[in-house]
Amino acid sequence: MNTYLTLIEKTINPANTGLPVNPFDPLYCYYNRLTATNALPRIQGKLADLHYTLEKPYFITASQRETLLDSICIIQRRYWALSRFATICRNKLKLDSVVGSVPVAISVDLYMNDINPAMKNVVVIRQNDKDYYFTIRDLMNIINKNLMNSDSFFPKPLPIKNPYNNIAFTSTQLYNIYFAIRSSHYVMPELFQGFFLCNFAIKDFCVKYESIMRIMSIRNYVYNSHHNVLYPHVIILCFYHNLELYDNIHDDFPKDVLVKIFRPFIYLYLMVNYGLQNTLVVDDANDHLKTKLQAFFEYNPLFGRVFIKYRRINGRWKPEYTYNEKHMNFADL
């Protein structure tokens, strides 16, 4: 903790001429809370004090909040670098036998590529006295999968767990993951940012971000599901929103081609039916679905029909089937 405080001091005043007594400097106020005599236990205090500083709208502006988070990310990155350097030094000096070595449980990513803890964008998480190496990319996939979990598009986020032992990450570990992502070149996942602002409380997160979770769940379903799963949605939306187009689509029209063309329409259709009702997002999706589907039909009223041409092959007439696939891109409608 002394090293962490020293890094904050150097950030506040690089010239080391004494800390400024500025009650309006968020980083200085964070430093004061950390060094208070009645502070919480250090692991808890480090995170709780940061949240306290960030969650005072009358005290800190949005710009100051972003500046504070950026400063903490830089400080935390330097702190980790020093910690890794100390570990390397201990290993080289063979001091592990004195202080006790920690076995490595997992040293590969989810694609079975070797991970070096000294590599950039690698996070080391310790659980049950074992180290697990993760790449930030894998952690982001794990986080998104758990936070976007749903049942029929009704959000049911799950605790973020270590996939190798099914043990949930603690709030301290989640904070470390958050700042590791923030200090990397990756874009912070929207849901994880919201989860962070809710202090990693799932109940509060569900209340505040239900609409966003439902939208992302629908988008993930539409753009990642197999065409056989999405094909019925195409038929149903055409039946209810454009009966003439529904009548045109032949039963043998290639399902994969049809779904590829209609994915944006499926997304709007599901938003209308499963999004939060009486909201501008759902109303806008409903208007877009009707307008664009009608424009799609008017551009090619024969879309989906089958054409049969007979060709003479080896003295016999054999039919050749072609399907009318002419259409405009969704963005151009």
C-alpha atoms as a PDB file:
ATOM      1  CA  MET A   1       0.000   0.000   0.000  1.00  0.00           C
ATOM      2  CA  ASN A   2       2.905   2.362   0.680  1.00  0.00           C
ATOM      3  CA  THR A   3       4.049   1.951  -2.923  1.00  0.00           C
ATOM      4  CA  TYR A   4       0.546   2.704  -4.162  1.00  0.00           C
ATOM      5  CA  LEU A   5       0.387   5.892  -2.079  1.00  0.00           C
ATOM      6  CA  THR A   6       3.828   6.950  -3.275  1.00  0.00           C
ATOM      7  CA  LEU A   7       2.707   6.584  -6.890  1.00  0.00           C
ATOM      8  CA  ILE A   8      -0.323   8.783  -6.150  1.00  0.00           C
ATOM      9  CA  GLU A   9       1.929  11.403  -4.549  1.00  0.00           C
ATOM     10  CA  LYS A  10       4.182  11.409  -7.618  1.00  0.00           C
ATOM     11  CA  THR A  11       1.142  11.824  -9.867  1.00  0.00           C
ATOM     12  CA  ILE A  12      -0.253  14.720  -7.842  1.00  0.00           C
ATOM     13  CA  ASN A  13       3.079  16.498  -7.644  1.00  0.00           C
ATOM     14  CA  PRO A  14       5.791  15.116  -9.965  1.00  0.00           C
ATOM     15  CA  ALA A  15       8.305  17.715  -8.731  1.00  0.00           C
ATOM     16  CA  ASN A  16       7.934  16.353  -5.174  1.00  0.00           C
ATOM     17  CA  THR A  17       7.571  19.820  -3.673  1.00  0.00           C
ATOM     18  CA  GLY A  18       4.827  18.788  -1.281  1.00  0.00           C
ATOM     19  CA  LEU A  19       1.207  17.771  -1.800  1.00  0.00           C
ATOM     20  CA  PRO A  20      -1.141  20.610  -2.785  1.00  0.00           C
ATOM     21  CA  VAL A  21      -3.818  21.443  -0.260  1.00  0.00           C
ATOM     22  CA  ASN A  22      -6.633  21.649  -2.802  1.00  0.00           C
ATOM     23  CA  PRO A  23      -9.983  20.333  -1.569  1.00  0.00           C
ATOM     24  CA  PHE A  24     -11.323  20.380  -5.152  1.00  0.00           C
ATOM     25  CA  ASP A  25      -8.694  18.031  -6.582  1.00  0.00           C
ATOM     26  CA  PRO A  26     -10.423  14.578  -6.746  1.00  0.00           C
ATOM     27  CA  LEU A  27      -7.135  12.652  -6.778  1.00  0.00           C
ATOM     28  CA  TYR A  28      -5.938  14.555  -3.702  1.00  0.00           C
ATOM     29  CA  CYS A  29      -9.237  13.857  -1.919  1.00  0.00           C
ATOM     30  CA  TYR A  30      -8.882  10.171  -2.819  1.00  0.00           C
ATOM     31  CA  TYR A  31      -5.349  10.238  -1.381  1.00  0.00           C
ATOM     32  CA  ASN A  32      -6.647  11.856   1.815  1.00  0.00           C
ATOM     33  CA  ARG A  33      -9.282   9.156   2.283  1.00  0.00           C
ATOM     34  CA  LEU A  34      -6.679   6.425   1.810  1.00  0.00           C
ATOM     35  CA  THR A  35      -4.388   7.942   4.432  1.00  0.00           C
ATOM     36  CA  ALA A  36      -7.129   8.761   6.950  1.00  0.00           C
ATOM     37  CA  THR A  37      -6.551   7.267  10.387  1.00  0.00           C
ATOM     38  CA  ASN A  38     -10.099   5.880  10.522  1.00  0.00           C
ATOM     39  CA  ALA A  39      -9.977   4.396   7.026  1.00  0.00           C
ATOM     40  CA  LEU A  40     -11.469   1.024   6.184  1.00  0.00           C
ATOM     41  CA  PRO A  41      -9.227  -2.063   5.880  1.00  0.00           C
ATOM     42  CA  ARG A  42      -6.851  -1.404   3.047  1.00  0.00           C
ATOM     43  CA  ILE A  43      -8.175  -3.748   0.332  1.00  0.00           C
ATOM     44  CA  GLN A  44     -11.727  -2.659   1.039  1.00  0.00           C
ATOM     45  CA  GLY A  45     -10.751   0.977   1.545  1.00  0.00           C
ATOM     46  CA  LYS A  46      -8.851   1.289  -1.717  1.00  0.00           C
ATOM     47  CA  LEU A  47     -11.968   0.412  -3.696  1.00  0.00           C
ATOM     48  CA  ALA A  48     -14.607   1.893  -1.415  1.00  0.00           C
ATOM     49  CA  ASP A  49     -12.762   5.226  -1.201  1.00  0.00           C
ATOM     50  CA  LEU A  50     -12.524   5.395  -4.989  1.00  0.00           C
ATOM     51  CA  HIS A  51     -16.266   4.815  -5.329  1.00  0.00           C
ATOM     52  CA  TYR A  52     -16.955   7.430  -2.661  1.00  0.00           C
ATOM     53  CA  THR A  53     -14.891   9.981  -4.593  1.00  0.00           C
ATOM     54  CA  LEU A  54     -16.557   9.113  -7.899  1.00  0.00           C
ATOM     55  CA  GLU A  55     -20.135   9.112  -6.606  1.00  0.00           C
ATOM     56  CA  LYS A  56     -20.291  12.692  -5.362  1.00  0.00           C
ATOM     57  CA  PRO A  57     -22.046  14.592  -8.186  1.00  0.00           C
ATOM     58  CA  TYR A  58     -22.053  17.829  -6.190  1.00  0.00           C
ATOM     59  CA  PHE A  59     -18.339  17.524  -5.670  1.00  0.00           C
ATOM     60  CA  ILE A  60     -16.883  16.148  -8.908  1.00  0.00           C
ATOM     61  CA  THR A  61     -17.775  16.964 -12.510  1.00  0.00           C
ATOM     62  CA  ALA A  62     -17.997  14.430 -15.338  1.00  0.00           C
ATOM     63  CA  SER A  63     -14.718  15.701 -16.768  1.00  0.00           C
ATOM     64  CA  GLN A  64     -12.977  15.411 -13.394  1.00  0.00           C
ATOM     65  CA  ARG A  65     -14.383  11.892 -12.978  1.00  0.00           C
ATOM     66  CA  GLU A  66     -12.869  10.781 -16.277  1.00  0.00           C
ATOM     67  CA  THR A  67      -9.560  12.440 -15.408  1.00  0.00           C
ATOM     68  CA  LEU A  68      -9.509  10.708 -12.018  1.00  0.00           C
ATOM     69  CA  LEU A  69     -10.212   7.295 -13.567  1.00  0.00           C
ATOM     70  CA  ASP A  70      -7.493   7.823 -16.169  1.00  0.00           C
ATOM     71  CA  SER A  71      -5.026   8.777 -13.433  1.00  0.00           C
ATOM     72  CA  ILE A  72      -5.949   5.731 -11.331  1.00  0.00           C
ATOM     73  CA  CYS A  73      -5.511   3.475 -14.383  1.00  0.00           C
ATOM     74  CA  ILE A  74      -2.005   4.860 -14.957  1.00  0.00           C
ATOM     75  CA  ILE A  75      -1.132   4.491 -11.265  1.00  0.00           C
ATOM     76  CA  GLN A  76      -2.526   0.971 -11.132  1.00  0.00           C
ATOM     77  CA  ARG A  77      -0.636  -0.021 -14.287  1.00  0.00           C
ATOM     78  CA  ARG A  78       2.623   1.260 -12.786  1.00  0.00           C
ATOM     79  CA  TYR A  79       1.847  -0.540  -9.537  1.00  0.00           C
ATOM     80  CA  TRP A  80       1.296  -3.817 -11.395  1.00  0.00           C
ATOM     81  CA  ALA A  81       4.512  -3.292 -13.369  1.00  0.00           C
ATOM     82  CA  LEU A  82       6.462  -2.853 -10.142  1.00  0.00           C
ATOM     83  CA  SER A  83       4.782  -5.913  -8.636  1.00  0.00           C
ATOM     84  CA  ARG A  84       5.667  -8.028 -11.665  1.00  0.00           C
ATOM     85  CA  PHE A  85       9.237  -6.736 -11.561  1.00  0.00           C
ATOM     86  CA  ALA A  86       9.488  -7.673  -7.878  1.00  0.00           C
ATOM     87  CA  THR A  87       8.180 -11.150  -8.685  1.00  0.00           C
ATOM     88  CA  ILE A  88      10.763 -11.586 -11.442  1.00  0.00           C
ATOM     89  CA  CYS A  89      13.516 -10.485  -9.075  1.00  0.00           C
ATOM     90  CA  ARG A  90      12.362 -12.935  -6.396  1.00  0.00           C
ATOM     91  CA  ASN A  91      12.327 -15.747  -8.924  1.00  0.00           C
ATOM     92  CA  LYS A  92      15.800 -14.933 -10.179  1.00  0.00           C
ATOM     93  CA  LEU A  93      17.167 -14.747  -6.650  1.00  0.00           C
ATOM     94  CA  LYS A  94      15.419 -18.009  -5.809  1.00  0.00           C
ATOM     95  CA  LEU A  95      13.568 -16.470  -2.900  1.00  0.00           C
ATOM     96  CA  ASP A  96      10.363 -18.348  -3.638  1.00  0.00           C
ATOM     97  CA  SER A  97      11.429 -21.095  -1.254  1.00  0.00           C
ATOM     98  CA  VAL A  98      11.496 -18.505   1.515  1.00  0.00           C
ATOM     99  CA  VAL A  99       8.307 -16.569   0.832  1.00  0.00           C
ATOM    100  CA  GLY A 100       6.377 -19.496  -0.637  1.00  0.00           C
ATOM    101  CA  SER A 101       5.736 -20.031  -4.339  1.00  0.00           C
ATOM    102  CA  VAL A 102       2.237 -19.965  -5.829  1.00  0.00           C
ATOM    103  CA  PRO A 103       1.413 -22.750  -8.305  1.00  0.00           C
ATOM    104  CA  VAL A 104      -0.001 -21.761 -11.682  1.00  0.00           C
ATOM    105  CA  ALA A 105      -3.289 -23.517 -12.393  1.00  0.00           C
ATOM    106  CA  ILE A 106      -3.898 -22.179 -15.920  1.00  0.00           C
ATOM    107  CA  SER A 107      -1.258 -20.644 -18.197  1.00  0.00           C
ATOM    108  CA  VAL A 108      -3.076 -20.799 -21.556  1.00  0.00           C
ATOM    109  CA  ASP A 109      -5.936 -18.772 -22.994  1.00  0.00           C
ATOM    110  CA  LEU A 110      -9.276 -20.169 -24.125  1.00  0.00           C
ATOM    111  CA  TYR A 111      -7.719 -20.957 -27.516  1.00  0.00           C
ATOM    112  CA  MET A 112      -4.962 -23.003 -25.813  1.00  0.00           C
ATOM    113  CA  ASN A 113      -2.252 -20.434 -26.594  1.00  0.00           C
ATOM    114  CA  ASP A 114       0.467 -20.035 -23.969  1.00  0.00           C
ATOM    115  CA  ILE A 115       0.234 -16.914 -21.790  1.00  0.00           C
ATOM    116  CA  ASN A 116       3.195 -15.118 -20.278  1.00  0.00           C
ATOM    117  CA  PRO A 117       2.166 -13.032 -17.231  1.00  0.00           C
ATOM    118  CA  ALA A 118       4.710 -10.394 -18.256  1.00  0.00           C
ATOM    119  CA  MET A 119       2.919  -9.920 -21.578  1.00  0.00           C
ATOM    120  CA  LYS A 120       0.783  -6.880 -22.290  1.00  0.00           C
ATOM    121  CA  ASN A 121      -2.980  -7.286 -21.808  1.00  0.00           C
ATOM    122  CA  VAL A 122      -2.599 -10.233 -19.413  1.00  0.00           C
ATOM    123  CA  VAL A 123      -4.322 -10.332 -16.014  1.00  0.00           C
ATOM    124  CA  VAL A 124      -3.294 -12.722 -13.254  1.00  0.00           C
ATOM    125  CA  ILE A 125      -6.074 -13.753 -10.869  1.00  0.00           C
ATOM    126  CA  ARG A 126      -5.402 -15.750  -7.716  1.00  0.00           C
ATOM    127  CA  GLN A 127      -8.052 -18.105  -6.357  1.00  0.00           C
ATOM    128  CA  ASN A 128      -7.612 -20.894  -3.807  1.00  0.00           C
ATOM    129  CA  ASP A 129      -3.878 -20.157  -3.636  1.00  0.00           C
ATOM    130  CA  LYS A 130      -3.438 -20.746  -7.375  1.00  0.00           C
ATOM    131  CA  ASP A 131      -2.739 -18.289 -10.179  1.00  0.00           C
ATOM    132  CA  TYR A 132      -4.891 -18.175 -13.306  1.00  0.00           C
ATOM    133  CA  TYR A 133      -3.631 -16.298 -16.356  1.00  0.00           C
ATOM    134  CA  PHE A 134      -6.202 -14.549 -18.539  1.00  0.00           C
ATOM    135  CA  THR A 135      -5.955 -12.371 -21.603  1.00  0.00           C
ATOM    136  CA  ILE A 136      -8.131  -9.271 -21.500  1.00  0.00           C
ATOM    137  CA  ARG A 137      -9.919 -10.452 -24.642  1.00  0.00           C
ATOM    138  CA  ASP A 138     -10.969 -13.707 -22.941  1.00  0.00           C
ATOM    139  CA  LEU A 139     -12.096 -11.847 -19.827  1.00  0.00           C
ATOM    140  CA  MET A 140     -14.227  -9.483 -21.907  1.00  0.00           C
ATOM    141  CA  ASN A 141     -15.903 -12.450 -23.628  1.00  0.00           C
ATOM    142  CA  ILE A 142     -16.574 -14.104 -20.262  1.00  0.00           C
ATOM    143  CA  ILE A 143     -17.973 -10.867 -18.833  1.00  0.00           C
ATOM    144  CA  ASN A 144     -20.255 -10.162 -21.797  1.00  0.00           C
ATOM    145  CA  LYS A 145     -21.567 -13.730 -21.860  1.00  0.00           C
ATOM    146  CA  ASN A 146     -22.550 -13.605 -18.179  1.00  0.00           C
ATOM    147  CA  LEU A 147     -23.974 -10.084 -18.161  1.00  0.00           C
ATOM    148  CA  MET A 148     -25.990 -10.677 -21.357  1.00  0.00           C
ATOM    149  CA  ASN A 149     -27.513 -13.921 -20.120  1.00  0.00           C
ATOM    150  CA  SER A 150     -31.277 -13.907 -20.671  1.00  0.00           C
ATOM    151  CA  ASP A 151     -34.356 -16.105 -20.753  1.00  0.00           C
ATOM    152  CA  SER A 152     -36.547 -15.327 -23.784  1.00  0.00           C
ATOM    153  CA  PHE A 153     -34.845 -11.901 -23.912  1.00  0.00           C
ATOM    154  CA  PHE A 154     -35.682 -11.179 -20.275  1.00  0.00           C
ATOM    155  CA  PRO A 155     -32.325 -10.251 -18.690  1.00  0.00           C
ATOM    156  CA  LYS A 156     -30.975 -12.639 -16.083  1.00  0.00           C
ATOM    157  CA  PRO A 157     -27.309 -11.681 -15.647  1.00  0.00           C
ATOM    158  CA  LEU A 158     -25.116 -14.240 -13.937  1.00  0.00           C
ATOM    159  CA  PRO A 159     -22.221 -13.701 -11.528  1.00  0.00           C
ATOM    160  CA  ILE A 160     -18.938 -13.410 -13.404  1.00  0.00           C
ATOM    161  CA  LYS A 161     -17.015 -16.602 -12.671  1.00  0.00           C
ATOM    162  CA  ASN A 162     -13.680 -18.194 -13.410  1.00  0.00           C
ATOM    163  CA  PRO A 163     -14.579 -20.727 -16.144  1.00  0.00           C
ATOM    164  CA  TYR A 164     -11.865 -23.135 -14.963  1.00  0.00           C
ATOM    165  CA  ASN A 165     -13.135 -23.632 -11.400  1.00  0.00           C
ATOM    166  CA  ASN A 166     -16.638 -22.064 -11.494  1.00  0.00           C
ATOM    167  CA  ILE A 167     -15.746 -19.731  -8.614  1.00  0.00           C
ATOM    168  CA  ALA A 168     -17.169 -16.204  -8.821  1.00  0.00           C
ATOM    169  CA  PHE A 169     -14.689 -13.349  -9.010  1.00  0.00           C
ATOM    170  CA  THR A 170     -14.654 -11.143  -5.929  1.00  0.00           C
ATOM    171  CA  SER A 171     -15.393  -7.432  -6.176  1.00  0.00           C
ATOM    172  CA  THR A 172     -11.669  -6.754  -5.711  1.00  0.00           C
ATOM    173  CA  GLN A 173     -10.824  -8.994  -8.661  1.00  0.00           C
ATOM    174  CA  LEU A 174     -13.552  -7.366 -10.752  1.00  0.00           C
ATOM    175  CA  TYR A 175     -12.101  -3.933  -9.968  1.00  0.00           C
ATOM    176  CA  ASN A 176      -8.664  -5.151 -11.057  1.00  0.00           C
ATOM    177  CA  ILE A 177     -10.149  -6.518 -14.290  1.00  0.00           C
ATOM    178  CA  TYR A 178     -12.014  -3.255 -14.903  1.00  0.00           C
ATOM    179  CA  PHE A 179      -8.912  -1.083 -14.562  1.00  0.00           C
ATOM    180  CA  ALA A 180      -6.860  -3.534 -16.616  1.00  0.00           C
ATOM    181  CA  ILE A 181      -9.352  -3.172 -19.485  1.00  0.00           C
ATOM    182  CA  ARG A 182      -9.545   0.579 -19.068  1.00  0.00           C
ATOM    183  CA  SER A 183      -5.764   0.948 -19.248  1.00  0.00           C
ATOM    184  CA  SER A 184      -5.519  -1.299 -22.325  1.00  0.00           C
ATOM    185  CA  HIS A 185      -6.275  -0.490 -25.956  1.00  0.00           C
ATOM    186  CA  TYR A 186      -9.602  -2.358 -25.770  1.00  0.00           C
ATOM    187  CA  VAL A 187     -12.919  -0.510 -25.618  1.00  0.00           C
ATOM    188  CA  MET A 188     -14.644  -1.005 -22.290  1.00  0.00           C
ATOM    189  CA  PRO A 189     -17.764  -3.232 -22.707  1.00  0.00           C
ATOM    190  CA  GLU A 190     -20.859  -1.121 -22.159  1.00  0.00           C
ATOM    191  CA  LEU A 191     -22.470  -3.539 -19.739  1.00  0.00           C
ATOM    192  CA  PHE A 192     -19.302  -3.963 -17.679  1.00  0.00           C
ATOM    193  CA  GLN A 193     -19.024  -0.175 -17.401  1.00  0.00           C
ATOM    194  CA  GLY A 194     -22.566  -0.113 -16.037  1.00  0.00           C
ATOM    195  CA  PHE A 195     -21.812  -3.011 -13.712  1.00  0.00           C
ATOM    196  CA  PHE A 196     -18.841  -1.048 -12.370  1.00  0.00           C
ATOM    197  CA  LEU A 197     -20.983   2.048 -11.765  1.00  0.00           C
ATOM    198  CA  CYS A 198     -23.399  -0.170  -9.802  1.00  0.00           C
ATOM    199  CA  ASN A 199     -20.529  -1.282  -7.552  1.00  0.00           C
ATOM    200  CA  PHE A 200     -20.853  -4.809  -9.007  1.00  0.00           C
ATOM    201  CA  ALA A 201     -24.268  -5.317  -7.392  1.00  0.00           C
ATOM    202  CA  ILE A 202     -26.341  -7.472  -9.780  1.00  0.00           C
ATOM    203  CA  LYS A 203     -29.710  -6.343  -8.394  1.00  0.00           C
ATOM    204  CA  ASP A 204     -28.949  -2.639  -8.875  1.00  0.00           C
ATOM    205  CA  PHE A 205     -27.448  -3.412 -12.279  1.00  0.00           C
ATOM    206  CA  CYS A 206     -30.656  -5.154 -13.426  1.00  0.00           C
ATOM    207  CA  VAL A 207     -32.807  -2.224 -12.352  1.00  0.00           C
ATOM    208  CA  LYS A 208     -30.694   0.454 -14.038  1.00  0.00           C
ATOM    209  CA  TYR A 209     -29.647  -1.354 -17.215  1.00  0.00           C
ATOM    210  CA  GLU A 210     -32.551  -3.666 -18.050  1.00  0.00           C
ATOM    211  CA  SER A 211     -33.329  -1.840 -21.301  1.00  0.00           C
ATOM    212  CA  ILE A 212     -29.720  -1.945 -22.525  1.00  0.00           C
ATOM    213  CA  MET A 213     -29.338  -5.615 -21.533  1.00  0.00           C
ATOM    214  CA  ARG A 214     -32.479  -6.536 -23.446  1.00  0.00           C
ATOM    215  CA  ILE A 215     -31.349  -4.686 -26.587  1.00  0.00           C
ATOM    216  CA  MET A 216     -27.925  -6.320 -26.498  1.00  0.00           C
ATOM    217  CA  SER A 217     -29.465  -9.744 -25.859  1.00  0.00           C
ATOM    218  CA  ILE A 218     -31.689  -9.381 -28.923  1.00  0.00           C
ATOM    219  CA  ARG A 219     -28.789  -8.170 -31.069  1.00  0.00           C
ATOM    220  CA  ASN A 220     -26.601 -11.062 -29.931  1.00  0.00           C
ATOM    221  CA  TYR A 221     -29.380 -13.555 -30.716  1.00  0.00           C
ATOM    222  CA  VAL A 222     -30.048 -12.158 -34.190  1.00  0.00           C
ATOM    223  CA  TYR A 223     -26.465 -11.843 -35.369  1.00  0.00           C
ATOM    224  CA  ASN A 224     -25.049 -15.026 -33.809  1.00  0.00           C
ATOM    225  CA  SER A 225     -27.810 -17.606 -34.223  1.00  0.00           C
ATOM    226  CA  HIS A 226     -27.914 -20.214 -36.997  1.00  0.00           C
ATOM    227  CA  HIS A 227     -30.129 -19.485 -39.988  1.00  0.00           C
ATOM    228  CA  ASN A 228     -32.374 -22.474 -39.157  1.00  0.00           C
ATOM    229  CA  VAL A 229     -33.180 -20.816 -35.824  1.00  0.00           C
ATOM    230  CA  LEU A 230     -33.961 -17.447 -37.378  1.00  0.00           C
ATOM    231  CA  TYR A 231     -35.853 -18.657 -40.471  1.00  0.00           C
ATOM    232  CA  PRO A 232     -39.273 -18.898 -38.714  1.00  0.00           C
ATOM    233  CA  HIS A 233     -38.927 -15.248 -37.612  1.00  0.00           C
ATOM    234  CA  VAL A 234     -38.617 -14.185 -41.270  1.00  0.00           C
ATOM    235  CA  ILE A 235     -41.805 -16.007 -42.217  1.00  0.00           C
ATOM    236  CA  ILE A 236     -43.736 -14.681 -39.210  1.00  0.00           C
ATOM    237  CA  LEU A 237     -42.682 -11.037 -39.637  1.00  0.00           C
ATOM    238  CA  CYS A 238     -43.568 -11.121 -43.346  1.00  0.00           C
ATOM    239  CA  PHE A 239     -46.942 -12.707 -42.551  1.00  0.00           C
ATOM    240  CA  TYR A 240     -47.861  -9.974 -40.069  1.00  0.00           C
ATOM    241  CA  HIS A 241     -46.261  -6.964 -41.759  1.00  0.00           C
ATOM    242  CA  ASN A 242     -46.352  -7.675 -45.522  1.00  0.00           C
ATOM    243  CA  LEU A 243     -48.653 -10.476 -46.603  1.00  0.00           C
ATOM    244  CA  GLU A 244     -47.810 -10.119 -50.304  1.00  0.00           C
ATOM    245  CA  LEU A 245     -44.119 -10.658 -49.595  1.00  0.00           C
ATOM    246  CA  TYR A 246     -45.039 -13.648 -47.406  1.00  0.00           C
ATOM    247  CA  ASP A 247     -47.005 -15.199 -50.292  1.00  0.00           C
ATOM    248  CA  ASN A 248     -44.071 -14.688 -52.675  1.00  0.00           C
ATOM    249  CA  ILE A 249     -41.403 -16.507 -50.642  1.00  0.00           C
ATOM    250  CA  HIS A 250     -41.217 -20.048 -51.925  1.00  0.00           C
ATOM    251  CA  ASP A 251     -40.902 -22.882 -49.431  1.00  0.00           C
ATOM    252  CA  ASP A 252     -37.664 -24.037 -51.084  1.00  0.00           C
ATOM    253  CA  PHE A 253     -36.046 -20.601 -51.095  1.00  0.00           C
ATOM    254  CA  PRO A 254     -32.550 -21.120 -49.550  1.00  0.00           C
ATOM    255  CA  LYS A 255     -32.906 -20.458 -45.828  1.00  0.00           C
ATOM    256  CA  ASP A 256     -29.355 -19.212 -45.336  1.00  0.00           C
ATOM    257  CA  VAL A 257     -29.732 -16.625 -48.124  1.00  0.00           C
ATOM    258  CA  LEU A 258     -33.105 -15.468 -46.845  1.00  0.00           C
ATOM    259  CA  VAL A 259     -31.905 -15.056 -43.252  1.00  0.00           C
ATOM    260  CA  LYS A 260     -28.755 -13.221 -44.347  1.00  0.00           C
ATOM    261  CA  ILE A 261     -30.901 -10.678 -46.195  1.00  0.00           C
ATOM    262  CA  PHE A 262     -33.483 -10.326 -43.428  1.00  0.00           C
ATOM    263  CA  ARG A 263     -31.311 -10.201 -40.281  1.00  0.00           C
ATOM    264  CA  PRO A 264     -31.784  -6.411 -39.816  1.00  0.00           C
ATOM    265  CA  PHE A 265     -35.557  -6.864 -40.217  1.00  0.00           C
ATOM    266  CA  ILE A 266     -35.554  -9.698 -37.672  1.00  0.00           C
ATOM    267  CA  TYR A 267     -33.752  -7.424 -35.211  1.00  0.00           C
ATOM    268  CA  LEU A 268     -36.407  -4.702 -35.598  1.00  0.00           C
ATOM    269  CA  TYR A 269     -39.203  -7.252 -35.355  1.00  0.00           C
ATOM    270  CA  LEU A 270     -37.859  -8.716 -32.105  1.00  0.00           C
ATOM    271  CA  MET A 271     -37.264  -5.236 -30.709  1.00  0.00           C
ATOM    272  CA  VAL A 272     -40.913  -4.385 -31.369  1.00  0.00           C
ATOM    273  CA  ASN A 273     -42.129  -7.556 -29.643  1.00  0.00           C
ATOM    274  CA  TYR A 274     -39.569  -8.024 -26.849  1.00  0.00           C
ATOM    275  CA  GLY A 275     -38.146  -4.555 -26.188  1.00  0.00           C
ATOM    276  CA  LEU A 276     -39.404  -2.478 -23.270  1.00  0.00           C
ATOM    277  CA  GLN A 277     -42.846  -1.361 -24.390  1.00  0.00           C
ATOM    278  CA  ASN A 278     -43.936   2.265 -24.592  1.00  0.00           C
ATOM    279  CA  THR A 279     -40.376   3.470 -25.089  1.00  0.00           C
ATOM    280  CA  LEU A 280     -38.959   5.558 -27.914  1.00  0.00           C
ATOM    281  CA  VAL A 281     -36.611   2.729 -28.899  1.00  0.00           C
ATOM    282  CA  VAL A 282     -39.496   0.309 -29.520  1.00  0.00           C
ATOM    283  CA  ASP A 283     -41.651   2.924 -31.270  1.00  0.00           C
ATOM    284  CA  ASP A 284     -38.753   3.838 -33.555  1.00  0.00           C
ATOM    285  CA  ALA A 285     -38.089   0.167 -34.327  1.00  0.00           C
ATOM    286  CA  ASN A 286     -41.769  -0.338 -35.227  1.00  0.00           C
ATOM    287  CA  ASP A 287     -41.760   2.637 -37.618  1.00  0.00           C
ATOM    288  CA  HIS A 288     -38.521   1.525 -39.266  1.00  0.00           C
ATOM    289  CA  LEU A 289     -39.743  -2.058 -39.679  1.00  0.00           C
ATOM    290  CA  LYS A 290     -42.946  -1.037 -41.483  1.00  0.00           C
ATOM    291  CA  THR A 291     -41.270   1.599 -43.657  1.00  0.00           C
ATOM    292  CA  LYS A 292     -38.244  -0.449 -44.697  1.00  0.00           C
ATOM    293  CA  LEU A 293     -40.203  -3.664 -45.280  1.00  0.00           C
ATOM    294  CA  GLN A 294     -42.607  -1.814 -47.564  1.00  0.00           C
ATOM    295  CA  ALA A 295     -39.685  -0.198 -49.444  1.00  0.00           C
ATOM    296  CA  PHE A 296     -38.065  -3.628 -49.750  1.00  0.00           C
ATOM    297  CA  PHE A 297     -41.217  -5.048 -51.359  1.00  0.00           C
ATOM    298  CA  GLU A 298     -41.751  -2.073 -53.671  1.00  0.00           C
ATOM    299  CA  TYR A 299     -38.177  -2.359 -54.989  1.00  0.00           C
ATOM    300  CA  ASN A 300     -38.800  -5.963 -56.083  1.00  0.00           C
ATOM    301  CA  PRO A 301     -42.427  -7.167 -55.792  1.00  0.00           C
ATOM    302  CA  LEU A 302     -41.343 -10.594 -57.082  1.00  0.00           C
ATOM    303  CA  PHE A 303     -38.714 -11.278 -54.417  1.00  0.00           C
ATOM    304  CA  GLY A 304     -38.752 -14.864 -53.229  1.00  0.00           C
ATOM    305  CA  ARG A 305     -40.430 -16.435 -56.248  1.00  0.00           C
ATOM    306  CA  VAL A 306     -39.024 -19.480 -58.011  1.00  0.00           C
ATOM    307  CA  PHE A 307     -38.417 -19.620 -61.760  1.00  0.00           C
ATOM    308  CA  ILE A 308     -38.271 -22.943 -63.573  1.00  0.00           C
ATOM    309  CA  LYS A 309     -36.405 -23.358 -66.852  1.00  0.00           C
ATOM    310  CA  TYR A 310     -36.183 -26.669 -68.679  1.00  0.00           C
ATOM    311  CA  ARG A 311     -32.991 -27.735 -70.382  1.00  0.00           C
ATOM    312  CA  ARG A 312     -32.429 -30.758 -72.596  1.00  0.00           C
ATOM    313  CA  ILE A 313     -29.643 -32.905 -71.114  1.00  0.00           C
ATOM    314  CA  ASN A 314     -28.748 -36.307 -72.618  1.00  0.00           C
ATOM    315  CA  GLY A 315     -31.988 -36.371 -74.554  1.00  0.00           C
ATOM    316  CA  ARG A 316     -34.141 -35.578 -71.513  1.00  0.00           C
ATOM    317  CA  TRP A 317     -35.733 -32.338 -70.378  1.00  0.00           C
ATOM    318  CA  LYS A 318     -34.649 -31.461 -66.870  1.00  0.00           C
ATOM    319  CA  PRO A 319     -35.866 -28.502 -64.788  1.00  0.00           C
ATOM    320  CA  GLU A 320     -33.508 -25.847 -63.433  1.00  0.00           C
ATOM    321  CA  TYR A 321     -34.683 -23.765 -60.498  1.00  0.00           C
ATOM    322  CA  THR A 322     -33.614 -20.187 -59.849  1.00  0.00           C
ATOM    323  CA  TYR A 323     -34.865 -17.886 -57.129  1.00  0.00           C
ATOM    324  CA  ASN A 324     -35.523 -14.178 -57.309  1.00  0.00           C
ATOM    325  CA  GLU A 325     -33.006 -12.727 -54.839  1.00  0.00           C
ATOM    326  CA  LYS A 326     -32.846  -9.171 -56.159  1.00  0.00           C
ATOM    327  CA  HIS A 327     -33.016  -6.714 -53.268  1.00  0.00           C
ATOM    328  CA  MET A 328     -31.657  -3.468 -51.881  1.00  0.00           C
ATOM    329  CA  ASN A 329     -29.322  -3.327 -48.928  1.00  0.00           C
ATOM    330  CA  PHE A 330     -31.110  -2.594 -45.689  1.00  0.00           C
ATOM    331  CA  ALA A 331     -29.128   0.633 -45.149  1.00  0.00           C
ATOM    332  CA  ASP A 332     -30.207   1.957 -48.562  1.00  0.00           C
ATOM    333  CA  LEU A 333     -33.930   1.438 -48.062  1.00  0.00           C
END
